[in-house]
Amino acid sequence: MATEQRRFGERVVFERGYDAHMMAIDGTWRRACSLLDISEEGAKIAVEGTVGELHLKEFFLLLSSTGLAYRRCELAWVNGEEIGVNFLKQGKSKKKGVVG
């Protein structure tokens, strides 16, 4: 499958999933999810319910119940209730052509 070919780096697979939450950057929505696998660059997540109504361009993946462990993500792909995300690096702008 094409999604398997896009993966880079070593991945950790959670056979039973790891309970987590997704949250909008502005806090307007929060959704339970299960982390299926993760790498330094991204993750595969199973989302409860449909993802169509969520604004998934950028969001937070909350890895702890307190919210202290999180990653800022961007949507890479959708396959039913599973999504792939790329982790955004702190301090790096996605804008091209900007000289700093």
C-alpha atoms as a PDB file:
ATOM      1  CA  MET A   1       0.000   0.000   0.000  1.00  0.00           C
ATOM      2  CA  ALA A   2       1.191   3.526  -0.744  1.00  0.00           C
ATOM      3  CA  THR A   3       1.009   4.679   2.894  1.00  0.00           C
ATOM      4  CA  GLU A   4       3.552   2.037   3.877  1.00  0.00           C
ATOM      5  CA  GLN A   5       5.970   3.338   1.243  1.00  0.00           C
ATOM      6  CA  ARG A   6       5.869   6.925   2.550  1.00  0.00           C
ATOM      7  CA  ARG A   7       7.118   5.967   6.010  1.00  0.00           C
ATOM      8  CA  PHE A   8      10.627   6.950   7.015  1.00  0.00           C
ATOM      9  CA  GLY A   9      12.595   6.022  10.095  1.00  0.00           C
ATOM     10  CA  GLU A  10      12.075   3.359  12.706  1.00  0.00           C
ATOM     11  CA  ARG A  11       8.497   2.976  13.940  1.00  0.00           C
ATOM     12  CA  VAL A  12       7.141   1.678  17.228  1.00  0.00           C
ATOM     13  CA  VAL A  13       3.920  -0.312  16.789  1.00  0.00           C
ATOM     14  CA  PHE A  14       1.292  -0.516  19.547  1.00  0.00           C
ATOM     15  CA  GLU A  15      -0.556  -3.803  18.995  1.00  0.00           C
ATOM     16  CA  ARG A  16      -3.501  -2.771  21.174  1.00  0.00           C
ATOM     17  CA  GLY A  17      -3.188   0.930  20.464  1.00  0.00           C
ATOM     18  CA  TYR A  18      -2.255   3.657  22.925  1.00  0.00           C
ATOM     19  CA  ASP A  19      -5.117   5.836  24.174  1.00  0.00           C
ATOM     20  CA  ALA A  20      -4.627   9.488  23.268  1.00  0.00           C
ATOM     21  CA  HIS A  21      -6.616  12.556  22.219  1.00  0.00           C
ATOM     22  CA  MET A  22      -6.533  14.956  19.294  1.00  0.00           C
ATOM     23  CA  MET A  23      -7.285  18.628  19.919  1.00  0.00           C
ATOM     24  CA  ALA A  24      -7.715  21.614  17.634  1.00  0.00           C
ATOM     25  CA  ILE A  25      -4.974  24.228  17.732  1.00  0.00           C
ATOM     26  CA  ASP A  26      -7.548  26.759  18.974  1.00  0.00           C
ATOM     27  CA  GLY A  27      -9.161  24.286  21.411  1.00  0.00           C
ATOM     28  CA  THR A  28     -12.557  24.246  19.660  1.00  0.00           C
ATOM     29  CA  TRP A  29     -12.713  20.432  19.461  1.00  0.00           C
ATOM     30  CA  ARG A  30     -11.216  17.379  21.115  1.00  0.00           C
ATOM     31  CA  ARG A  31     -11.542  13.743  19.981  1.00  0.00           C
ATOM     32  CA  ALA A  32     -10.482  10.427  21.524  1.00  0.00           C
ATOM     33  CA  CYS A  33      -8.111   8.392  19.380  1.00  0.00           C
ATOM     34  CA  SER A  34      -5.775   5.440  19.532  1.00  0.00           C
ATOM     35  CA  LEU A  35      -2.131   5.690  18.556  1.00  0.00           C
ATOM     36  CA  LEU A  36      -1.348   2.683  16.325  1.00  0.00           C
ATOM     37  CA  ASP A  37       2.293   3.419  15.553  1.00  0.00           C
ATOM     38  CA  ILE A  38       4.728   6.269  15.917  1.00  0.00           C
ATOM     39  CA  SER A  39       8.134   7.399  14.686  1.00  0.00           C
ATOM     40  CA  GLU A  40      10.248  10.494  15.090  1.00  0.00           C
ATOM     41  CA  GLU A  41       8.569  12.014  12.012  1.00  0.00           C
ATOM     42  CA  GLY A  42       4.912  11.007  12.387  1.00  0.00           C
ATOM     43  CA  ALA A  43       2.245   8.528  13.463  1.00  0.00           C
ATOM     44  CA  LYS A  44      -0.741   6.455  12.424  1.00  0.00           C
ATOM     45  CA  ILE A  45      -3.875   7.094  14.468  1.00  0.00           C
ATOM     46  CA  ALA A  46      -7.303   5.426  14.673  1.00  0.00           C
ATOM     47  CA  VAL A  47      -9.957   8.094  15.279  1.00  0.00           C
ATOM     48  CA  GLU A  48     -13.293   7.386  16.957  1.00  0.00           C
ATOM     49  CA  GLY A  49     -16.095   8.451  14.606  1.00  0.00           C
ATOM     50  CA  THR A  50     -15.763  10.361  11.353  1.00  0.00           C
ATOM     51  CA  VAL A  51     -12.995  12.861  10.709  1.00  0.00           C
ATOM     52  CA  GLY A  52     -14.735  14.769   7.914  1.00  0.00           C
ATOM     53  CA  GLU A  53     -16.139  17.545  10.107  1.00  0.00           C
ATOM     54  CA  LEU A  54     -12.861  18.146  11.935  1.00  0.00           C
ATOM     55  CA  HIS A  55     -10.393  20.765  10.735  1.00  0.00           C
ATOM     56  CA  LEU A  56      -7.316  18.564  10.565  1.00  0.00           C
ATOM     57  CA  LYS A  57      -4.852  20.744   8.694  1.00  0.00           C
ATOM     58  CA  GLU A  58      -2.985  21.266  11.984  1.00  0.00           C
ATOM     59  CA  PHE A  59      -3.842  19.960  15.439  1.00  0.00           C
ATOM     60  CA  PHE A  60      -2.324  18.674  18.668  1.00  0.00           C
ATOM     61  CA  LEU A  61      -1.909  14.992  19.517  1.00  0.00           C
ATOM     62  CA  LEU A  62      -2.172  14.765  23.315  1.00  0.00           C
ATOM     63  CA  LEU A  63      -0.208  11.774  24.573  1.00  0.00           C
ATOM     64  CA  SER A  64      -0.861  12.173  28.307  1.00  0.00           C
ATOM     65  CA  SER A  65      -4.021  12.740  30.323  1.00  0.00           C
ATOM     66  CA  THR A  66      -2.570  15.973  31.732  1.00  0.00           C
ATOM     67  CA  GLY A  67      -1.714  17.359  28.294  1.00  0.00           C
ATOM     68  CA  LEU A  68       1.949  17.800  29.214  1.00  0.00           C
ATOM     69  CA  ALA A  69       3.124  15.361  26.516  1.00  0.00           C
ATOM     70  CA  TYR A  70       1.926  16.429  23.081  1.00  0.00           C
ATOM     71  CA  ARG A  71       3.002  16.861  19.459  1.00  0.00           C
ATOM     72  CA  ARG A  72       1.824  19.420  16.925  1.00  0.00           C
ATOM     73  CA  CYS A  73       0.683  17.574  13.794  1.00  0.00           C
ATOM     74  CA  GLU A  74      -0.403  18.079  10.233  1.00  0.00           C
ATOM     75  CA  LEU A  75      -2.619  15.641   8.357  1.00  0.00           C
ATOM     76  CA  ALA A  76      -0.776  13.449   5.838  1.00  0.00           C
ATOM     77  CA  TRP A  77      -3.474  10.973   4.725  1.00  0.00           C
ATOM     78  CA  VAL A  78      -6.928   9.559   5.595  1.00  0.00           C
ATOM     79  CA  ASN A  79      -8.065   5.956   5.159  1.00  0.00           C
ATOM     80  CA  GLY A  80     -11.491   5.479   6.760  1.00  0.00           C
ATOM     81  CA  GLU A  81     -11.092   5.875  10.517  1.00  0.00           C
ATOM     82  CA  GLU A  82      -7.282   5.790  10.294  1.00  0.00           C
ATOM     83  CA  ILE A  83      -5.190   8.867   9.615  1.00  0.00           C
ATOM     84  CA  GLY A  84      -1.501   9.488   9.105  1.00  0.00           C
ATOM     85  CA  VAL A  85       0.112  12.583  10.580  1.00  0.00           C
ATOM     86  CA  ASN A  86       3.443  14.324  10.214  1.00  0.00           C
ATOM     87  CA  PHE A  87       4.903  15.968  13.306  1.00  0.00           C
ATOM     88  CA  LEU A  88       5.718  19.644  12.918  1.00  0.00           C
ATOM     89  CA  LYS A  89       9.066  20.703  14.295  1.00  0.00           C
ATOM     90  CA  GLN A  90       9.059  23.575  16.745  1.00  0.00           C
ATOM     91  CA  GLY A  91      10.464  26.796  15.343  1.00  0.00           C
ATOM     92  CA  LYS A  92      10.321  25.746  11.685  1.00  0.00           C
ATOM     93  CA  SER A  93       8.002  27.700   9.413  1.00  0.00           C
ATOM     94  CA  LYS A  94       6.111  25.937   6.645  1.00  0.00           C
ATOM     95  CA  LYS A  95       6.292  29.070   4.483  1.00  0.00           C
ATOM     96  CA  LYS A  96       8.643  28.780   1.532  1.00  0.00           C
ATOM     97  CA  GLY A  97      10.798  31.523   0.152  1.00  0.00           C
ATOM     98  CA  VAL A  98      11.253  33.331   3.473  1.00  0.00           C
ATOM     99  CA  VAL A  99      14.859  34.161   4.258  1.00  0.00           C
ATOM    100  CA  GLY A 100      15.598  34.483   7.981  1.00  0.00           C
END
